[in-house]
Amino acid sequence: LLSDLLKDHSLETATEALEIASERCHPSTETIKQVFHQLIHGRGSRETVRLKSTVPVMPIAERGMNQYDVFFQQERRKA
């Protein structure tokens, strides 16, 4: 992996790619390559997606449930 990264680019770019890839976990070779290509193509590191801490209240979905009662009634008749 290192020889591939250093063919046309500096050790500093390869080191930066490794540091960015290592920020969240132990990186795989594919992760390091992806970050390296992002750096050399000017995309740099990506911002972490932050989700809202609350979930919006959803209405109870009851429509169409009566259709399923027909199936249960047929099962009861067979028993």
PDB file of N, CA and C in Angstrom:
ATOM      1  N   LEU A   1       0.834  -1.197   0.000  1.00  0.00           N
ATOM      2  CA  LEU A   1       0.000   0.000   0.000  1.00  0.00           C
ATOM      3  C   LEU A   1       0.874   1.254   0.000  1.00  0.00           C
ATOM      4  N   LEU A   2       1.868   1.277   0.857  1.00  0.00           N
ATOM      5  CA  LEU A   2       2.722   2.459   0.964  1.00  0.00           C
ATOM      6  C   LEU A   2       3.445   2.747  -0.348  1.00  0.00           C
ATOM      7  N   SER A   3       3.925   1.710  -1.010  1.00  0.00           N
ATOM      8  CA  SER A   3       4.625   1.936  -2.285  1.00  0.00           C
ATOM      9  C   SER A   3       3.683   2.510  -3.335  1.00  0.00           C
ATOM     10  N   ASP A   4       2.418   2.066  -3.322  1.00  0.00           N
ATOM     11  CA  ASP A   4       1.438   2.626  -4.263  1.00  0.00           C
ATOM     12  C   ASP A   4       1.183   4.099  -3.981  1.00  0.00           C
ATOM     13  N   LEU A   5       1.077   4.451  -2.706  1.00  0.00           N
ATOM     14  CA  LEU A   5       0.784   5.835  -2.338  1.00  0.00           C
ATOM     15  C   LEU A   5       1.963   6.762  -2.624  1.00  0.00           C
ATOM     16  N   LEU A   6       3.177   6.234  -2.507  1.00  0.00           N
ATOM     17  CA  LEU A   6       4.365   7.076  -2.668  1.00  0.00           C
ATOM     18  C   LEU A   6       4.879   7.157  -4.103  1.00  0.00           C
ATOM     19  N   LYS A   7       4.260   6.447  -5.037  1.00  0.00           N
ATOM     20  CA  LYS A   7       4.727   6.474  -6.429  1.00  0.00           C
ATOM     21  C   LYS A   7       4.771   7.889  -6.978  1.00  0.00           C
ATOM     22  N   ASP A   8       3.675   8.610  -6.832  1.00  0.00           N
ATOM     23  CA  ASP A   8       3.582   9.951  -7.414  1.00  0.00           C
ATOM     24  C   ASP A   8       3.355  11.048  -6.383  1.00  0.00           C
ATOM     25  N   HIS A   9       3.328  10.690  -5.097  1.00  0.00           N
ATOM     26  CA  HIS A   9       3.002  11.691  -4.076  1.00  0.00           C
ATOM     27  C   HIS A   9       3.972  11.593  -2.910  1.00  0.00           C
ATOM     28  N   SER A  10       3.923  12.593  -2.055  1.00  0.00           N
ATOM     29  CA  SER A  10       4.882  12.688  -0.953  1.00  0.00           C
ATOM     30  C   SER A  10       4.464  11.838   0.244  1.00  0.00           C
ATOM     31  N   LEU A  11       5.418  11.625   1.120  1.00  0.00           N
ATOM     32  CA  LEU A  11       5.164  10.894   2.355  1.00  0.00           C
ATOM     33  C   LEU A  11       4.196  11.667   3.250  1.00  0.00           C
ATOM     34  N   GLU A  12       4.228  12.997   3.174  1.00  0.00           N
ATOM     35  CA  GLU A  12       3.335  13.818   4.001  1.00  0.00           C
ATOM     36  C   GLU A  12       1.868  13.548   3.662  1.00  0.00           C
ATOM     37  N   THR A  13       1.563  13.415   2.365  1.00  0.00           N
ATOM     38  CA  THR A  13       0.180  13.148   1.956  1.00  0.00           C
ATOM     39  C   THR A  13      -0.253  11.768   2.433  1.00  0.00           C
ATOM     40  N   ALA A  14       0.628  10.784   2.305  1.00  0.00           N
ATOM     41  CA  ALA A  14       0.315   9.433   2.776  1.00  0.00           C
ATOM     42  C   ALA A  14       0.116   9.415   4.291  1.00  0.00           C
ATOM     43  N   THR A  15       0.950  10.156   5.010  1.00  0.00           N
ATOM     44  CA  THR A  15       0.830  10.235   6.468  1.00  0.00           C
ATOM     45  C   THR A  15      -0.474  10.903   6.873  1.00  0.00           C
ATOM     46  N   GLU A  16      -0.834  11.974   6.181  1.00  0.00           N
ATOM     47  CA  GLU A  16      -2.090  12.667   6.478  1.00  0.00           C
ATOM     48  C   GLU A  16      -3.285  11.752   6.228  1.00  0.00           C
ATOM     49  N   ALA A  17      -3.238  10.983   5.146  1.00  0.00           N
ATOM     50  CA  ALA A  17      -4.324  10.046   4.846  1.00  0.00           C
ATOM     51  C   ALA A  17      -4.456   9.005   5.951  1.00  0.00           C
ATOM     52  N   LEU A  18      -3.334   8.501   6.435  1.00  0.00           N
ATOM     53  CA  LEU A  18      -3.355   7.522   7.519  1.00  0.00           C
ATOM     54  C   LEU A  18      -3.908   8.130   8.800  1.00  0.00           C
ATOM     55  N   GLU A  19      -3.524   9.362   9.113  1.00  0.00           N
ATOM     56  CA  GLU A  19      -4.017  10.023  10.329  1.00  0.00           C
ATOM     57  C   GLU A  19      -5.519  10.251  10.260  1.00  0.00           C
ATOM     58  N   ILE A  20      -6.011  10.726   9.113  1.00  0.00           N
ATOM     59  CA  ILE A  20      -7.449  10.975   8.968  1.00  0.00           C
ATOM     60  C   ILE A  20      -8.220   9.663   9.044  1.00  0.00           C
ATOM     61  N   ALA A  21      -7.724   8.629   8.370  1.00  0.00           N
ATOM     62  CA  ALA A  21      -8.408   7.333   8.384  1.00  0.00           C
ATOM     63  C   ALA A  21      -8.401   6.702   9.773  1.00  0.00           C
ATOM     64  N   SER A  22      -7.404   7.029  10.584  1.00  0.00           N
ATOM     65  CA  SER A  22      -7.278   6.441  11.922  1.00  0.00           C
ATOM     66  C   SER A  22      -8.077   7.181  12.985  1.00  0.00           C
ATOM     67  N   GLU A  23      -8.677   8.295  12.661  1.00  0.00           N
ATOM     68  CA  GLU A  23      -9.373   9.101  13.667  1.00  0.00           C
ATOM     69  C   GLU A  23     -10.533   8.356  14.316  1.00  0.00           C
ATOM     70  N   ARG A  24     -11.242   7.531  13.577  1.00  0.00           N
ATOM     71  CA  ARG A  24     -12.446   6.900  14.103  1.00  0.00           C
ATOM     72  C   ARG A  24     -12.260   5.437  14.487  1.00  0.00           C
ATOM     73  N   CYS A  25     -11.299   4.755  13.889  1.00  0.00           N
ATOM     74  CA  CYS A  25     -11.091   3.344  14.208  1.00  0.00           C
ATOM     75  C   CYS A  25      -9.792   2.873  13.575  1.00  0.00           C
ATOM     76  N   HIS A  26      -9.506   1.597  13.723  1.00  0.00           N
ATOM     77  CA  HIS A  26      -8.339   1.009  13.063  1.00  0.00           C
ATOM     78  C   HIS A  26      -8.680   0.889  11.582  1.00  0.00           C
ATOM     79  N   PRO A  27      -8.002   1.632  10.705  1.00  0.00           N
ATOM     80  CA  PRO A  27      -8.417   1.680   9.298  1.00  0.00           C
ATOM     81  C   PRO A  27      -7.970   0.465   8.485  1.00  0.00           C
ATOM     82  N   SER A  28      -8.792   0.113   7.514  1.00  0.00           N
ATOM     83  CA  SER A  28      -8.414  -0.930   6.563  1.00  0.00           C
ATOM     84  C   SER A  28      -7.614  -0.280   5.440  1.00  0.00           C
ATOM     85  N   THR A  29      -6.996  -1.093   4.601  1.00  0.00           N
ATOM     86  CA  THR A  29      -6.241  -0.537   3.473  1.00  0.00           C
ATOM     87  C   THR A  29      -7.162   0.221   2.532  1.00  0.00           C
ATOM     88  N   GLU A  30      -8.398  -0.269   2.375  1.00  0.00           N
ATOM     89  CA  GLU A  30      -9.348   0.411   1.491  1.00  0.00           C
ATOM     90  C   GLU A  30      -9.719   1.790   2.035  1.00  0.00           C
ATOM     91  N   THR A  31      -9.863   1.900   3.347  1.00  0.00           N
ATOM     92  CA  THR A  31     -10.178   3.188   3.960  1.00  0.00           C
ATOM     93  C   THR A  31      -9.036   4.174   3.757  1.00  0.00           C
ATOM     94  N   ILE A  32      -7.819   3.717   3.951  1.00  0.00           N
ATOM     95  CA  ILE A  32      -6.655   4.590   3.765  1.00  0.00           C
ATOM     96  C   ILE A  32      -6.567   5.044   2.313  1.00  0.00           C
ATOM     97  N   LYS A  33      -6.779   4.118   1.374  1.00  0.00           N
ATOM     98  CA  LYS A  33      -6.752   4.476  -0.049  1.00  0.00           C
ATOM     99  C   LYS A  33      -7.822   5.505  -0.382  1.00  0.00           C
ATOM    100  N   GLN A  34      -9.028   5.304   0.158  1.00  0.00           N
ATOM    101  CA  GLN A  34     -10.123   6.234  -0.114  1.00  0.00           C
ATOM    102  C   GLN A  34      -9.784   7.635   0.383  1.00  0.00           C
ATOM    103  N   VAL A  35      -9.300   7.741   1.605  1.00  0.00           N
ATOM    104  CA  VAL A  35      -8.936   9.045   2.163  1.00  0.00           C
ATOM    105  C   VAL A  35      -7.793   9.658   1.359  1.00  0.00           C
ATOM    106  N   PHE A  36      -6.821   8.851   0.965  1.00  0.00           N
ATOM    107  CA  PHE A  36      -5.693   9.337   0.173  1.00  0.00           C
ATOM    108  C   PHE A  36      -6.182   9.935  -1.145  1.00  0.00           C
ATOM    109  N   HIS A  37      -7.066   9.229  -1.827  1.00  0.00           N
ATOM    110  CA  HIS A  37      -7.582   9.741  -3.104  1.00  0.00           C
ATOM    111  C   HIS A  37      -8.419  11.007  -2.906  1.00  0.00           C
ATOM    112  N   GLN A  38      -9.143  11.085  -1.796  1.00  0.00           N
ATOM    113  CA  GLN A  38      -9.882  12.312  -1.493  1.00  0.00           C
ATOM    114  C   GLN A  38      -8.917  13.477  -1.311  1.00  0.00           C
ATOM    115  N   LEU A  39      -7.813  13.238  -0.644  1.00  0.00           N
ATOM    116  CA  LEU A  39      -6.831  14.303  -0.414  1.00  0.00           C
ATOM    117  C   LEU A  39      -6.180  14.768  -1.711  1.00  0.00           C
ATOM    118  N   ILE A  40      -5.752  13.833  -2.553  1.00  0.00           N
ATOM    119  CA  ILE A  40      -5.034  14.244  -3.766  1.00  0.00           C
ATOM    120  C   ILE A  40      -5.955  14.857  -4.805  1.00  0.00           C
ATOM    121  N   HIS A  41      -7.257  14.594  -4.690  1.00  0.00           N
ATOM    122  CA  HIS A  41      -8.203  15.188  -5.635  1.00  0.00           C
ATOM    123  C   HIS A  41      -8.900  16.418  -5.060  1.00  0.00           C
ATOM    124  N   GLY A  42      -8.415  16.896  -3.918  1.00  0.00           N
ATOM    125  CA  GLY A  42      -8.898  18.153  -3.365  1.00  0.00           C
ATOM    126  C   GLY A  42     -10.179  18.079  -2.568  1.00  0.00           C
ATOM    127  N   ARG A  43     -10.610  16.886  -2.200  1.00  0.00           N
ATOM    128  CA  ARG A  43     -11.850  16.782  -1.439  1.00  0.00           C
ATOM    129  C   ARG A  43     -11.605  16.767   0.061  1.00  0.00           C
ATOM    130  N   GLY A  44     -10.409  16.443   0.478  1.00  0.00           N
ATOM    131  CA  GLY A  44     -10.056  16.496   1.901  1.00  0.00           C
ATOM    132  C   GLY A  44     -10.899  15.583   2.754  1.00  0.00           C
ATOM    133  N   SER A  45     -10.991  15.903   4.032  1.00  0.00           N
ATOM    134  CA  SER A  45     -11.764  15.063   4.946  1.00  0.00           C
ATOM    135  C   SER A  45     -13.224  15.477   4.917  1.00  0.00           C
ATOM    136  N   ARG A  46     -14.064  14.546   5.242  1.00  0.00           N
ATOM    137  CA  ARG A  46     -15.512  14.782   5.262  1.00  0.00           C
ATOM    138  C   ARG A  46     -15.967  15.100   6.680  1.00  0.00           C
ATOM    139  N   GLU A  47     -16.967  15.954   6.765  1.00  0.00           N
ATOM    140  CA  GLU A  47     -17.539  16.267   8.069  1.00  0.00           C
ATOM    141  C   GLU A  47     -18.389  15.091   8.543  1.00  0.00           C
ATOM    142  N   THR A  48     -18.386  14.848   9.834  1.00  0.00           N
ATOM    143  CA  THR A  48     -19.202  13.796  10.410  1.00  0.00           C
ATOM    144  C   THR A  48     -20.659  14.228  10.392  1.00  0.00           C
ATOM    145  N   VAL A  49     -21.529  13.328   9.985  1.00  0.00           N
ATOM    146  CA  VAL A  49     -22.959  13.616   9.968  1.00  0.00           C
ATOM    147  C   VAL A  49     -23.458  13.596  11.402  1.00  0.00           C
ATOM    148  N   ARG A  50     -24.153  14.632  11.792  1.00  0.00           N
ATOM    149  CA  ARG A  50     -24.697  14.709  13.144  1.00  0.00           C
ATOM    150  C   ARG A  50     -26.220  14.632  13.058  1.00  0.00           C
ATOM    151  N   LEU A  51     -26.770  13.606  13.664  1.00  0.00           N
ATOM    152  CA  LEU A  51     -28.212  13.413  13.659  1.00  0.00           C
ATOM    153  C   LEU A  51     -28.837  14.132  14.839  1.00  0.00           C
ATOM    154  N   LYS A  52     -30.089  14.511  14.674  1.00  0.00           N
ATOM    155  CA  LYS A  52     -30.802  15.142  15.781  1.00  0.00           C
ATOM    156  C   LYS A  52     -30.974  14.128  16.902  1.00  0.00           C
ATOM    157  N   SER A  53     -30.946  14.614  18.119  1.00  0.00           N
ATOM    158  CA  SER A  53     -31.050  13.708  19.258  1.00  0.00           C
ATOM    159  C   SER A  53     -32.488  13.302  19.553  1.00  0.00           C
ATOM    160  N   THR A  54     -33.456  13.995  18.983  1.00  0.00           N
ATOM    161  CA  THR A  54     -34.850  13.654  19.230  1.00  0.00           C
ATOM    162  C   THR A  54     -35.486  13.104  17.960  1.00  0.00           C
ATOM    163  N   VAL A  55     -36.432  12.227  18.155  1.00  0.00           N
ATOM    164  CA  VAL A  55     -37.170  11.644  17.041  1.00  0.00           C
ATOM    165  C   VAL A  55     -38.538  12.310  17.010  1.00  0.00           C
ATOM    166  N   PRO A  56     -39.000  12.757  15.841  1.00  0.00           N
ATOM    167  CA  PRO A  56     -40.308  13.406  15.795  1.00  0.00           C
ATOM    168  C   PRO A  56     -41.426  12.416  16.126  1.00  0.00           C
ATOM    169  N   VAL A  57     -42.495  12.930  16.708  1.00  0.00           N
ATOM    170  CA  VAL A  57     -43.643  12.101  17.054  1.00  0.00           C
ATOM    171  C   VAL A  57     -44.354  11.703  15.765  1.00  0.00           C
ATOM    172  N   MET A  58     -44.565  10.416  15.599  1.00  0.00           N
ATOM    173  CA  MET A  58     -45.222   9.910  14.398  1.00  0.00           C
ATOM    174  C   MET A  58     -46.633   9.454  14.754  1.00  0.00           C
ATOM    175  N   PRO A  59     -47.601   9.722  13.877  1.00  0.00           N
ATOM    176  CA  PRO A  59     -48.961   9.255  14.153  1.00  0.00           C
ATOM    177  C   PRO A  59     -49.036   7.732  14.026  1.00  0.00           C
ATOM    178  N   ILE A  60     -49.990   7.131  14.723  1.00  0.00           N
ATOM    179  CA  ILE A  60     -50.175   5.686  14.644  1.00  0.00           C
ATOM    180  C   ILE A  60     -50.752   5.351  13.274  1.00  0.00           C
ATOM    181  N   ALA A  61     -50.155   4.407  12.590  1.00  0.00           N
ATOM    182  CA  ALA A  61     -50.611   4.022  11.251  1.00  0.00           C
ATOM    183  C   ALA A  61     -51.593   2.870  11.380  1.00  0.00           C
ATOM    184  N   GLU A  62     -52.880   3.187  11.325  1.00  0.00           N
ATOM    185  CA  GLU A  62     -53.906   2.157  11.470  1.00  0.00           C
ATOM    186  C   GLU A  62     -54.635   1.881  10.167  1.00  0.00           C
ATOM    187  N   ARG A  63     -54.417   2.648   9.145  1.00  0.00           N
ATOM    188  CA  ARG A  63     -55.176   2.477   7.917  1.00  0.00           C
ATOM    189  C   ARG A  63     -54.864   1.133   7.262  1.00  0.00           C
ATOM    190  N   GLY A  64     -55.882   0.509   6.762  1.00  0.00           N
ATOM    191  CA  GLY A  64     -55.716  -0.739   6.049  1.00  0.00           C
ATOM    192  C   GLY A  64     -55.581  -1.968   6.925  1.00  0.00           C
ATOM    193  N   MET A  65     -55.630  -1.820   8.236  1.00  0.00           N
ATOM    194  CA  MET A  65     -55.443  -2.975   9.104  1.00  0.00           C
ATOM    195  C   MET A  65     -56.653  -3.899   9.086  1.00  0.00           C
ATOM    196  N   ASN A  66     -57.832  -3.367   8.773  1.00  0.00           N
ATOM    197  CA  ASN A  66     -59.037  -4.198   8.741  1.00  0.00           C
ATOM    198  C   ASN A  66     -58.954  -5.268   7.662  1.00  0.00           C
ATOM    199  N   GLN A  67     -58.195  -5.031   6.613  1.00  0.00           N
ATOM    200  CA  GLN A  67     -58.039  -6.026   5.552  1.00  0.00           C
ATOM    201  C   GLN A  67     -57.449  -7.318   6.102  1.00  0.00           C
ATOM    202  N   TYR A  68     -56.557  -7.213   7.046  1.00  0.00           N
ATOM    203  CA  TYR A  68     -55.884  -8.383   7.579  1.00  0.00           C
ATOM    204  C   TYR A  68     -56.783  -9.204   8.493  1.00  0.00           C
ATOM    205  N   ASP A  69     -57.814  -8.591   9.058  1.00  0.00           N
ATOM    206  CA  ASP A  69     -58.743  -9.328   9.904  1.00  0.00           C
ATOM    207  C   ASP A  69     -59.415 -10.449   9.127  1.00  0.00           C
ATOM    208  N   VAL A  70     -59.646 -10.254   7.832  1.00  0.00           N
ATOM    209  CA  VAL A  70     -60.277 -11.273   6.997  1.00  0.00           C
ATOM    210  C   VAL A  70     -59.434 -12.549   6.996  1.00  0.00           C
ATOM    211  N   PHE A  71     -58.138 -12.437   6.916  1.00  0.00           N
ATOM    212  CA  PHE A  71     -57.265 -13.611   6.916  1.00  0.00           C
ATOM    213  C   PHE A  71     -57.349 -14.370   8.234  1.00  0.00           C
ATOM    214  N   PHE A  72     -57.401 -13.644   9.337  1.00  0.00           N
ATOM    215  CA  PHE A  72     -57.468 -14.300  10.632  1.00  0.00           C
ATOM    216  C   PHE A  72     -58.812 -14.983  10.834  1.00  0.00           C
ATOM    217  N   GLN A  73     -59.898 -14.400  10.318  1.00  0.00           N
ATOM    218  CA  GLN A  73     -61.216 -15.019  10.438  1.00  0.00           C
ATOM    219  C   GLN A  73     -61.252 -16.338   9.679  1.00  0.00           C
ATOM    220  N   GLN A  74     -60.628 -16.411   8.503  1.00  0.00           N
ATOM    221  CA  GLN A  74     -60.596 -17.649   7.728  1.00  0.00           C
ATOM    222  C   GLN A  74     -59.812 -18.724   8.475  1.00  0.00           C
ATOM    223  N   GLU A  75     -58.730 -18.363   9.150  1.00  0.00           N
ATOM    224  CA  GLU A  75     -57.940 -19.317   9.923  1.00  0.00           C
ATOM    225  C   GLU A  75     -58.764 -19.880  11.077  1.00  0.00           C
ATOM    226  N   ARG A  76     -59.568 -19.032  11.706  1.00  0.00           N
ATOM    227  CA  ARG A  76     -60.387 -19.479  12.839  1.00  0.00           C
ATOM    228  C   ARG A  76     -61.445 -20.471  12.374  1.00  0.00           C
ATOM    229  N   ARG A  77     -61.994 -20.250  11.169  1.00  0.00           N
ATOM    230  CA  ARG A  77     -63.023 -21.160  10.648  1.00  0.00           C
ATOM    231  C   ARG A  77     -62.445 -22.547  10.384  1.00  0.00           C
ATOM    232  N   LYS A  78     -61.188 -22.615   9.952  1.00  0.00           N
ATOM    233  CA  LYS A  78     -60.561 -23.902   9.643  1.00  0.00           C
ATOM    234  C   LYS A  78     -60.272 -24.700  10.909  1.00  0.00           C
ATOM    235  N   ALA A  79     -60.028 -24.021  12.005  1.00  0.00           N
ATOM    236  CA  ALA A  79     -59.631 -24.701  13.244  1.00  0.00           C
ATOM    237  C   ALA A  79     -60.773 -25.340  13.965  1.00  0.00           C
TER     238      ALA A  79
END
